[in-house]
Amino acid sequence: MKKFIALMMVFAMSLSLFAGCAKEEAPATTAAPATEATTAAPTEAPKPAAKADLVSMMNKLYDGLTPGEDCPMVGQIEIDGESSAYYVGIENLQCKQALASEAMIGAIAHSLVLIEVEDGTDIAALKAEIRENINPRKWVCVGVERDEVVIENVGNIVFVCIEANMADHYRTQFFNVVK
């Protein structure tokens, strides 16, 4: 009787394993608040405004990609002075606003950061400081080499990309989005 019960428990656990691993189609979502995970980008273009809409820009960087297949499932995080060292290597980053998009699974080297800096900021010096201080291996077992970190800007929007496989794609998307 004990063997039968043990066998039934193994069978039940096996079924639950398969049920938990079933492929489920992710529904398309619209722009989410900066603290929530997003799985698809909205279709509207960033609206010109005095303050850039970093969430919309970030979502546009993922246009044409399928989350979970072409790119990881990501969460967006507003960067403040306390968290800026983790994302860009600069403690108490002085900027108008900053937003990070990171893989929701920590073993994937994927981090996109958009920073809107104040007018008059020495952007070349900021980019050099990020390059010198950023930790491109901040995840436990994965990362990229320091010279593979993408740091670009268009006007006062700075883009930082730590991505093992698709850095060139995200660089191109950044230039297309922030024209």
Foldseek 3Di string as FASTA:
>chain_A
DVVVVVVVVVVVVVVVVVVVPDDDDDDADEQDPQQAWHFAYHDDAWDDDPDTPVSNLVRLLCPPHGDPPRHHGKHKDWDAQPCCCQQQNDHGDAAPTKMKIDHPDLVFQWIKMKTQHDPPDPVVVVQVNSLVGHDQPSGDPDGDDSVPWDWDDDHRIIMTITHDPCPVSSVVSSVVRRD
